[in-house]
Amino acid sequence: MVRKEKTIFSQRLSSLREERYLTLSDISELFDPPVSKSTVSNWENGHMYPKGQRLIILCDFYNVSIDYLYGRTDSRKMNKEERIQSCTKTN
């Protein structure tokens, strides 16, 4: 079986949880209603991605920007100048 390489998003998401010594269950309970531990595991393994409000909740909980999670910046929180550059950056 070929192992799929983790994405920047999944690497950062799992690192943030592990830095805080939290379990998948701890993270699953952030949401109302809670998500399953397997859902959080799928996010951390790059099989699925949180969308909408769940993504915002994760960023708020970990105190990071969405751009950080998706690898658009290496700064966990962007300053005003970085936010402006992020908005004007073309991919």
PDB file of N, CA and C in Angstrom:
ATOM      1  N   MET A   1       0.839  -1.168   0.000  1.00  0.00           N
ATOM      2  CA  MET A   1       0.000   0.000   0.000  1.00  0.00           C
ATOM      3  C   MET A   1       0.894   1.245   0.000  1.00  0.00           C
ATOM      4  N   VAL A   2       0.576   2.183  -0.869  1.00  0.00           N
ATOM      5  CA  VAL A   2       1.330   3.427  -0.969  1.00  0.00           C
ATOM      6  C   VAL A   2       0.768   4.422   0.035  1.00  0.00           C
ATOM      7  N   ARG A   3       1.644   4.980   0.843  1.00  0.00           N
ATOM      8  CA  ARG A   3       1.212   5.958   1.840  1.00  0.00           C
ATOM      9  C   ARG A   3       1.157   7.340   1.211  1.00  0.00           C
ATOM     10  N   LYS A   4       0.039   7.986   1.350  1.00  0.00           N
ATOM     11  CA  LYS A   4      -0.132   9.336   0.821  1.00  0.00           C
ATOM     12  C   LYS A   4       0.624  10.323   1.709  1.00  0.00           C
ATOM     13  N   GLU A   5       1.376  11.207   1.094  1.00  0.00           N
ATOM     14  CA  GLU A   5       2.119  12.232   1.831  1.00  0.00           C
ATOM     15  C   GLU A   5       1.135  13.219   2.457  1.00  0.00           C
ATOM     16  N   LYS A   6       1.385  13.579   3.699  1.00  0.00           N
ATOM     17  CA  LYS A   6       0.526  14.547   4.374  1.00  0.00           C
ATOM     18  C   LYS A   6       0.667  15.921   3.728  1.00  0.00           C
ATOM     19  N   THR A   7      -0.424  16.646   3.690  1.00  0.00           N
ATOM     20  CA  THR A   7      -0.406  18.011   3.174  1.00  0.00           C
ATOM     21  C   THR A   7       0.107  18.955   4.262  1.00  0.00           C
ATOM     22  N   ILE A   8       0.466  20.153   3.860  1.00  0.00           N
ATOM     23  CA  ILE A   8       0.880  21.157   4.840  1.00  0.00           C
ATOM     24  C   ILE A   8      -0.239  21.357   5.854  1.00  0.00           C
ATOM     25  N   PHE A   9      -1.471  21.438   5.364  1.00  0.00           N
ATOM     26  CA  PHE A   9      -2.613  21.627   6.255  1.00  0.00           C
ATOM     27  C   PHE A   9      -2.674  20.524   7.303  1.00  0.00           C
ATOM     28  N   SER A  10      -2.622  19.284   6.874  1.00  0.00           N
ATOM     29  CA  SER A  10      -2.755  18.171   7.821  1.00  0.00           C
ATOM     30  C   SER A  10      -1.560  18.097   8.769  1.00  0.00           C
ATOM     31  N   GLN A  11      -0.370  18.399   8.273  1.00  0.00           N
ATOM     32  CA  GLN A  11       0.814  18.412   9.141  1.00  0.00           C
ATOM     33  C   GLN A  11       0.680  19.471  10.230  1.00  0.00           C
ATOM     34  N   ARG A  12       0.260  20.649   9.834  1.00  0.00           N
ATOM     35  CA  ARG A  12       0.148  21.743  10.801  1.00  0.00           C
ATOM     36  C   ARG A  12      -0.979  21.486  11.796  1.00  0.00           C
ATOM     37  N   LEU A  13      -2.081  20.955  11.316  1.00  0.00           N
ATOM     38  CA  LEU A  13      -3.200  20.683  12.207  1.00  0.00           C
ATOM     39  C   LEU A  13      -2.823  19.649  13.266  1.00  0.00           C
ATOM     40  N   SER A  14      -2.174  18.579  12.858  1.00  0.00           N
ATOM     41  CA  SER A  14      -1.785  17.559  13.842  1.00  0.00           C
ATOM     42  C   SER A  14      -0.691  18.088  14.777  1.00  0.00           C
ATOM     43  N   SER A  15       0.228  18.897  14.258  1.00  0.00           N
ATOM     44  CA  SER A  15       1.279  19.474  15.110  1.00  0.00           C
ATOM     45  C   SER A  15       0.696  20.388  16.181  1.00  0.00           C
ATOM     46  N   LEU A  16      -0.281  21.195  15.807  1.00  0.00           N
ATOM     47  CA  LEU A  16      -0.909  22.096  16.776  1.00  0.00           C
ATOM     48  C   LEU A  16      -1.567  21.309  17.906  1.00  0.00           C
ATOM     49  N   ARG A  17      -2.226  20.224  17.570  1.00  0.00           N
ATOM     50  CA  ARG A  17      -2.869  19.396  18.595  1.00  0.00           C
ATOM     51  C   ARG A  17      -1.824  18.743  19.487  1.00  0.00           C
ATOM     52  N   GLU A  18      -0.794  18.176  18.873  1.00  0.00           N
ATOM     53  CA  GLU A  18       0.240  17.470  19.635  1.00  0.00           C
ATOM     54  C   GLU A  18       1.037  18.414  20.533  1.00  0.00           C
ATOM     55  N   GLU A  19       1.273  19.653  20.087  1.00  0.00           N
ATOM     56  CA  GLU A  19       1.987  20.643  20.910  1.00  0.00           C
ATOM     57  C   GLU A  19       1.265  20.904  22.226  1.00  0.00           C
ATOM     58  N   ARG A  20      -0.039  20.727  22.203  1.00  0.00           N
ATOM     59  CA  ARG A  20      -0.860  21.000  23.386  1.00  0.00           C
ATOM     60  C   ARG A  20      -1.227  19.722  24.143  1.00  0.00           C
ATOM     61  N   TYR A  21      -0.668  18.613  23.715  1.00  0.00           N
ATOM     62  CA  TYR A  21      -0.916  17.305  24.344  1.00  0.00           C
ATOM     63  C   TYR A  21      -2.409  16.976  24.402  1.00  0.00           C
ATOM     64  N   LEU A  22      -3.101  17.281  23.309  1.00  0.00           N
ATOM     65  CA  LEU A  22      -4.526  17.004  23.222  1.00  0.00           C
ATOM     66  C   LEU A  22      -4.768  15.730  22.434  1.00  0.00           C
ATOM     67  N   THR A  23      -5.893  15.092  22.699  1.00  0.00           N
ATOM     68  CA  THR A  23      -6.272  13.880  21.972  1.00  0.00           C
ATOM     69  C   THR A  23      -7.228  14.244  20.835  1.00  0.00           C
ATOM     70  N   LEU A  24      -7.446  13.294  19.942  1.00  0.00           N
ATOM     71  CA  LEU A  24      -8.435  13.486  18.885  1.00  0.00           C
ATOM     72  C   LEU A  24      -9.805  13.743  19.500  1.00  0.00           C
ATOM     73  N   SER A  25     -10.082  13.048  20.583  1.00  0.00           N
ATOM     74  CA  SER A  25     -11.356  13.216  21.283  1.00  0.00           C
ATOM     75  C   SER A  25     -11.506  14.638  21.831  1.00  0.00           C
ATOM     76  N   ASP A  26     -10.422  15.183  22.375  1.00  0.00           N
ATOM     77  CA  ASP A  26     -10.462  16.564  22.879  1.00  0.00           C
ATOM     78  C   ASP A  26     -10.882  17.521  21.769  1.00  0.00           C
ATOM     79  N   ILE A  27     -10.304  17.353  20.601  1.00  0.00           N
ATOM     80  CA  ILE A  27     -10.611  18.246  19.476  1.00  0.00           C
ATOM     81  C   ILE A  27     -12.024  18.005  18.967  1.00  0.00           C
ATOM     82  N   SER A  28     -12.447  16.760  18.914  1.00  0.00           N
ATOM     83  CA  SER A  28     -13.792  16.452  18.408  1.00  0.00           C
ATOM     84  C   SER A  28     -14.870  17.132  19.243  1.00  0.00           C
ATOM     85  N   GLU A  29     -14.590  17.362  20.523  1.00  0.00           N
ATOM     86  CA  GLU A  29     -15.576  17.952  21.426  1.00  0.00           C
ATOM     87  C   GLU A  29     -15.624  19.478  21.367  1.00  0.00           C
ATOM     88  N   LEU A  30     -14.778  20.085  20.543  1.00  0.00           N
ATOM     89  CA  LEU A  30     -14.833  21.539  20.363  1.00  0.00           C
ATOM     90  C   LEU A  30     -16.106  21.968  19.644  1.00  0.00           C
ATOM     91  N   PHE A  31     -16.695  21.059  18.915  1.00  0.00           N
ATOM     92  CA  PHE A  31     -17.798  21.380  18.018  1.00  0.00           C
ATOM     93  C   PHE A  31     -19.139  21.010  18.639  1.00  0.00           C
ATOM     94  N   ASP A  32     -20.172  21.751  18.253  1.00  0.00           N
ATOM     95  CA  ASP A  32     -21.525  21.480  18.720  1.00  0.00           C
ATOM     96  C   ASP A  32     -22.428  21.333  17.506  1.00  0.00           C
ATOM     97  N   PRO A  33     -22.820  20.117  17.191  1.00  0.00           N
ATOM     98  CA  PRO A  33     -22.527  18.872  17.912  1.00  0.00           C
ATOM     99  C   PRO A  33     -21.091  18.418  17.648  1.00  0.00           C
ATOM    100  N   PRO A  34     -20.553  17.597  18.560  1.00  0.00           N
ATOM    101  CA  PRO A  34     -19.185  17.094  18.376  1.00  0.00           C
ATOM    102  C   PRO A  34     -19.053  16.299  17.076  1.00  0.00           C
ATOM    103  N   VAL A  35     -17.868  16.325  16.504  1.00  0.00           N
ATOM    104  CA  VAL A  35     -17.574  15.470  15.352  1.00  0.00           C
ATOM    105  C   VAL A  35     -16.929  14.198  15.892  1.00  0.00           C
ATOM    106  N   SER A  36     -16.827  13.179  15.068  1.00  0.00           N
ATOM    107  CA  SER A  36     -16.209  11.931  15.518  1.00  0.00           C
ATOM    108  C   SER A  36     -14.685  12.068  15.548  1.00  0.00           C
ATOM    109  N   LYS A  37     -14.058  11.214  16.349  1.00  0.00           N
ATOM    110  CA  LYS A  37     -12.588  11.192  16.387  1.00  0.00           C
ATOM    111  C   LYS A  37     -12.039  10.829  15.017  1.00  0.00           C
ATOM    112  N   SER A  38     -12.754   9.966  14.287  1.00  0.00           N
ATOM    113  CA  SER A  38     -12.272   9.577  12.957  1.00  0.00           C
ATOM    114  C   SER A  38     -12.315  10.759  11.987  1.00  0.00           C
ATOM    115  N   THR A  39     -13.255  11.668  12.172  1.00  0.00           N
ATOM    116  CA  THR A  39     -13.297  12.877  11.336  1.00  0.00           C
ATOM    117  C   THR A  39     -12.059  13.727  11.578  1.00  0.00           C
ATOM    118  N   VAL A  40     -11.714  13.934  12.846  1.00  0.00           N
ATOM    119  CA  VAL A  40     -10.515  14.712  13.177  1.00  0.00           C
ATOM    120  C   VAL A  40      -9.276  14.009  12.627  1.00  0.00           C
ATOM    121  N   SER A  41      -9.234  12.693  12.755  1.00  0.00           N
ATOM    122  CA  SER A  41      -8.117  11.914  12.214  1.00  0.00           C
ATOM    123  C   SER A  41      -8.018  12.086  10.700  1.00  0.00           C
ATOM    124  N   ASN A  42      -9.156  12.072  10.020  1.00  0.00           N
ATOM    125  CA  ASN A  42      -9.158  12.275   8.567  1.00  0.00           C
ATOM    126  C   ASN A  42      -8.649  13.662   8.197  1.00  0.00           C
ATOM    127  N   TRP A  43      -8.976  14.666   8.991  1.00  0.00           N
ATOM    128  CA  TRP A  43      -8.439  16.016   8.751  1.00  0.00           C
ATOM    129  C   TRP A  43      -6.929  16.000   8.889  1.00  0.00           C
ATOM    130  N   GLU A  44      -6.437  15.334   9.933  1.00  0.00           N
ATOM    131  CA  GLU A  44      -4.997  15.328  10.210  1.00  0.00           C
ATOM    132  C   GLU A  44      -4.211  14.438   9.254  1.00  0.00           C
ATOM    133  N   ASN A  45      -4.880  13.552   8.564  1.00  0.00           N
ATOM    134  CA  ASN A  45      -4.205  12.675   7.611  1.00  0.00           C
ATOM    135  C   ASN A  45      -4.422  13.101   6.167  1.00  0.00           C
ATOM    136  N   GLY A  46      -5.102  14.216   5.957  1.00  0.00           N
ATOM    137  CA  GLY A  46      -5.290  14.758   4.617  1.00  0.00           C
ATOM    138  C   GLY A  46      -6.345  14.062   3.790  1.00  0.00           C
ATOM    139  N   HIS A  47      -7.215  13.276   4.424  1.00  0.00           N
ATOM    140  CA  HIS A  47      -8.278  12.587   3.691  1.00  0.00           C
ATOM    141  C   HIS A  47      -9.512  13.468   3.528  1.00  0.00           C
ATOM    142  N   MET A  48      -9.704  14.384   4.457  1.00  0.00           N
ATOM    143  CA  MET A  48     -10.829  15.325   4.446  1.00  0.00           C
ATOM    144  C   MET A  48     -10.332  16.646   5.022  1.00  0.00           C
ATOM    145  N   TYR A  49     -11.108  17.694   4.812  1.00  0.00           N
ATOM    146  CA  TYR A  49     -10.755  19.006   5.350  1.00  0.00           C
ATOM    147  C   TYR A  49     -11.973  19.626   6.021  1.00  0.00           C
ATOM    148  N   PRO A  50     -11.762  20.293   7.155  1.00  0.00           N
ATOM    149  CA  PRO A  50     -12.889  20.978   7.788  1.00  0.00           C
ATOM    150  C   PRO A  50     -13.303  22.165   6.925  1.00  0.00           C
ATOM    151  N   LYS A  51     -14.589  22.436   6.913  1.00  0.00           N
ATOM    152  CA  LYS A  51     -15.096  23.532   6.091  1.00  0.00           C
ATOM    153  C   LYS A  51     -15.837  24.534   6.957  1.00  0.00           C
ATOM    154  N   GLY A  52     -15.982  25.715   6.442  1.00  0.00           N
ATOM    155  CA  GLY A  52     -16.811  26.741   7.049  1.00  0.00           C
ATOM    156  C   GLY A  52     -16.524  27.004   8.506  1.00  0.00           C
ATOM    157  N   GLN A  53     -17.587  26.911   9.303  1.00  0.00           N
ATOM    158  CA  GLN A  53     -17.510  27.246  10.719  1.00  0.00           C
ATOM    159  C   GLN A  53     -16.528  26.352  11.465  1.00  0.00           C
ATOM    160  N   ARG A  54     -16.405  25.101  11.083  1.00  0.00           N
ATOM    161  CA  ARG A  54     -15.463  24.203  11.761  1.00  0.00           C
ATOM    162  C   ARG A  54     -14.023  24.671  11.571  1.00  0.00           C
ATOM    163  N   LEU A  55     -13.703  25.140  10.392  1.00  0.00           N
ATOM    164  CA  LEU A  55     -12.361  25.660  10.134  1.00  0.00           C
ATOM    165  C   LEU A  55     -12.094  26.905  10.986  1.00  0.00           C
ATOM    166  N   ILE A  56     -13.076  27.768  11.089  1.00  0.00           N
ATOM    167  CA  ILE A  56     -12.940  28.979  11.901  1.00  0.00           C
ATOM    168  C   ILE A  56     -12.758  28.622  13.372  1.00  0.00           C
ATOM    169  N   ILE A  57     -13.522  27.654  13.855  1.00  0.00           N
ATOM    170  CA  ILE A  57     -13.405  27.217  15.253  1.00  0.00           C
ATOM    171  C   ILE A  57     -12.000  26.696  15.529  1.00  0.00           C
ATOM    172  N   LEU A  58     -11.457  25.897  14.617  1.00  0.00           N
ATOM    173  CA  LEU A  58     -10.098  25.369  14.804  1.00  0.00           C
ATOM    174  C   LEU A  58      -9.069  26.497  14.849  1.00  0.00           C
ATOM    175  N   CYS A  59      -9.179  27.439  13.927  1.00  0.00           N
ATOM    176  CA  CYS A  59      -8.227  28.558  13.898  1.00  0.00           C
ATOM    177  C   CYS A  59      -8.319  29.386  15.170  1.00  0.00           C
ATOM    178  N   ASP A  60      -9.535  29.648  15.620  1.00  0.00           N
ATOM    179  CA  ASP A  60      -9.703  30.407  16.861  1.00  0.00           C
ATOM    180  C   ASP A  60      -9.142  29.634  18.050  1.00  0.00           C
ATOM    181  N   PHE A  61      -9.416  28.354  18.119  1.00  0.00           N
ATOM    182  CA  PHE A  61      -8.950  27.534  19.231  1.00  0.00           C
ATOM    183  C   PHE A  61      -7.423  27.510  19.292  1.00  0.00           C
ATOM    184  N   TYR A  62      -6.786  27.309  18.141  1.00  0.00           N
ATOM    185  CA  TYR A  62      -5.325  27.233  18.097  1.00  0.00           C
ATOM    186  C   TYR A  62      -4.654  28.604  17.993  1.00  0.00           C
ATOM    187  N   ASN A  63      -5.471  29.654  17.817  1.00  0.00           N
ATOM    188  CA  ASN A  63      -4.957  31.019  17.695  1.00  0.00           C
ATOM    189  C   ASN A  63      -4.000  31.160  16.506  1.00  0.00           C
ATOM    190  N   VAL A  64      -4.432  30.628  15.371  1.00  0.00           N
ATOM    191  CA  VAL A  64      -3.666  30.732  14.127  1.00  0.00           C
ATOM    192  C   VAL A  64      -4.591  31.223  13.018  1.00  0.00           C
ATOM    193  N   SER A  65      -3.993  31.691  11.938  1.00  0.00           N
ATOM    194  CA  SER A  65      -4.782  32.131  10.790  1.00  0.00           C
ATOM    195  C   SER A  65      -5.067  30.946   9.865  1.00  0.00           C
ATOM    196  N   ILE A  66      -6.095  31.111   9.059  1.00  0.00           N
ATOM    197  CA  ILE A  66      -6.401  30.100   8.044  1.00  0.00           C
ATOM    198  C   ILE A  66      -5.235  30.000   7.066  1.00  0.00           C
ATOM    199  N   ASP A  67      -4.630  31.144   6.736  1.00  0.00           N
ATOM    200  CA  ASP A  67      -3.481  31.139   5.828  1.00  0.00           C
ATOM    201  C   ASP A  67      -2.336  30.305   6.385  1.00  0.00           C
ATOM    202  N   TYR A  68      -2.124  30.347   7.691  1.00  0.00           N
ATOM    203  CA  TYR A  68      -1.080  29.513   8.301  1.00  0.00           C
ATOM    204  C   TYR A  68      -1.409  28.031   8.114  1.00  0.00           C
ATOM    205  N   LEU A  69      -2.638  27.641   8.412  1.00  0.00           N
ATOM    206  CA  LEU A  69      -3.000  26.223   8.280  1.00  0.00           C
ATOM    207  C   LEU A  69      -2.815  25.726   6.851  1.00  0.00           C
ATOM    208  N   TYR A  70      -3.155  26.557   5.876  1.00  0.00           N
ATOM    209  CA  TYR A  70      -3.051  26.136   4.477  1.00  0.00           C
ATOM    210  C   TYR A  70      -1.676  26.382   3.857  1.00  0.00           C
ATOM    211  N   GLY A  71      -0.726  26.882   4.644  1.00  0.00           N
ATOM    212  CA  GLY A  71       0.638  27.026   4.150  1.00  0.00           C
ATOM    213  C   GLY A  71       0.898  28.264   3.325  1.00  0.00           C
ATOM    214  N   ARG A  72      -0.012  29.225   3.361  1.00  0.00           N
ATOM    215  CA  ARG A  72       0.206  30.468   2.614  1.00  0.00           C
ATOM    216  C   ARG A  72       1.156  31.401   3.338  1.00  0.00           C
ATOM    217  N   THR A  73       1.370  31.156   4.628  1.00  0.00           N
ATOM    218  CA  THR A  73       2.329  31.917   5.425  1.00  0.00           C
ATOM    219  C   THR A  73       2.891  30.995   6.497  1.00  0.00           C
ATOM    220  N   ASP A  74       4.082  31.319   6.956  1.00  0.00           N
ATOM    221  CA  ASP A  74       4.673  30.549   8.047  1.00  0.00           C
ATOM    222  C   ASP A  74       4.436  31.221   9.397  1.00  0.00           C
ATOM    223  N   SER A  75       3.836  32.406   9.372  1.00  0.00           N
ATOM    224  CA  SER A  75       3.493  33.110  10.612  1.00  0.00           C
ATOM    225  C   SER A  75       2.156  32.585  11.108  1.00  0.00           C
ATOM    226  N   ARG A  76       2.132  32.177  12.363  1.00  0.00           N
ATOM    227  CA  ARG A  76       0.879  31.639  12.903  1.00  0.00           C
ATOM    228  C   ARG A  76      -0.227  32.686  12.912  1.00  0.00           C
ATOM    229  N   LYS A  77       0.124  33.905  13.232  1.00  0.00           N
ATOM    230  CA  LYS A  77      -0.817  35.022  13.162  1.00  0.00           C
ATOM    231  C   LYS A  77      -0.214  36.061  12.240  1.00  0.00           C
ATOM    232  N   MET A  78      -0.993  36.544  11.278  1.00  0.00           N
ATOM    233  CA  MET A  78      -0.469  37.521  10.335  1.00  0.00           C
ATOM    234  C   MET A  78      -0.662  38.933  10.873  1.00  0.00           C
ATOM    235  N   ASN A  79       0.361  39.755  10.646  1.00  0.00           N
ATOM    236  CA  ASN A  79       0.213  41.166  10.977  1.00  0.00           C
ATOM    237  C   ASN A  79      -0.516  41.859   9.823  1.00  0.00           C
ATOM    238  N   LYS A  80      -0.797  43.142   9.990  1.00  0.00           N
ATOM    239  CA  LYS A  80      -1.576  43.883   8.997  1.00  0.00           C
ATOM    240  C   LYS A  80      -0.933  43.826   7.611  1.00  0.00           C
ATOM    241  N   GLU A  81       0.372  44.018   7.547  1.00  0.00           N
ATOM    242  CA  GLU A  81       1.072  44.008   6.258  1.00  0.00           C
ATOM    243  C   GLU A  81       0.962  42.642   5.579  1.00  0.00           C
ATOM    244  N   GLU A  82       1.103  41.575   6.346  1.00  0.00           N
ATOM    245  CA  GLU A  82       0.993  40.227   5.777  1.00  0.00           C
ATOM    246  C   GLU A  82      -0.422  39.953   5.277  1.00  0.00           C
ATOM    247  N   ARG A  83      -1.436  40.448   5.993  1.00  0.00           N
ATOM    248  CA  ARG A  83      -2.824  40.260   5.547  1.00  0.00           C
ATOM    249  C   ARG A  83      -3.053  40.957   4.215  1.00  0.00           C
ATOM    250  N   ILE A  84      -2.517  42.164   4.070  1.00  0.00           N
ATOM    251  CA  ILE A  84      -2.667  42.909   2.816  1.00  0.00           C
ATOM    252  C   ILE A  84      -1.967  42.166   1.683  1.00  0.00           C
ATOM    253  N   GLN A  85      -0.736  41.703   1.922  1.00  0.00           N
ATOM    254  CA  GLN A  85       0.001  40.959   0.899  1.00  0.00           C
ATOM    255  C   GLN A  85      -0.732  39.679   0.519  1.00  0.00           C
ATOM    256  N   SER A  86      -1.323  39.017   1.495  1.00  0.00           N
ATOM    257  CA  SER A  86      -2.051  37.784   1.244  1.00  0.00           C
ATOM    258  C   SER A  86      -3.242  38.033   0.322  1.00  0.00           C
ATOM    259  N   CYS A  87      -3.917  39.164   0.521  1.00  0.00           N
ATOM    260  CA  CYS A  87      -5.088  39.500  -0.291  1.00  0.00           C
ATOM    261  C   CYS A  87      -4.713  39.892  -1.712  1.00  0.00           C
ATOM    262  N   THR A  88      -3.519  40.437  -1.895  1.00  0.00           N
ATOM    263  CA  THR A  88      -3.107  40.894  -3.221  1.00  0.00           C
ATOM    264  C   THR A  88      -2.234  39.890  -3.950  1.00  0.00           C
ATOM    265  N   LYS A  89      -1.863  38.802  -3.269  1.00  0.00           N
ATOM    266  CA  LYS A  89      -0.994  37.784  -3.860  1.00  0.00           C
ATOM    267  C   LYS A  89      -1.752  37.018  -4.949  1.00  0.00           C
ATOM    268  N   THR A  90      -1.106  36.811  -6.081  1.00  0.00           N
ATOM    269  CA  THR A  90      -1.703  35.996  -7.134  1.00  0.00           C
ATOM    270  C   THR A  90      -1.036  34.641  -7.131  1.00  0.00           C
ATOM    271  N   ASN A  91      -1.831  33.613  -7.334  1.00  0.00           N
ATOM    272  CA  ASN A  91      -1.298  32.241  -7.338  1.00  0.00           C
ATOM    273  C   ASN A  91      -1.149  31.723  -8.734  1.00  0.00           C
TER     274      ASN A  91
END
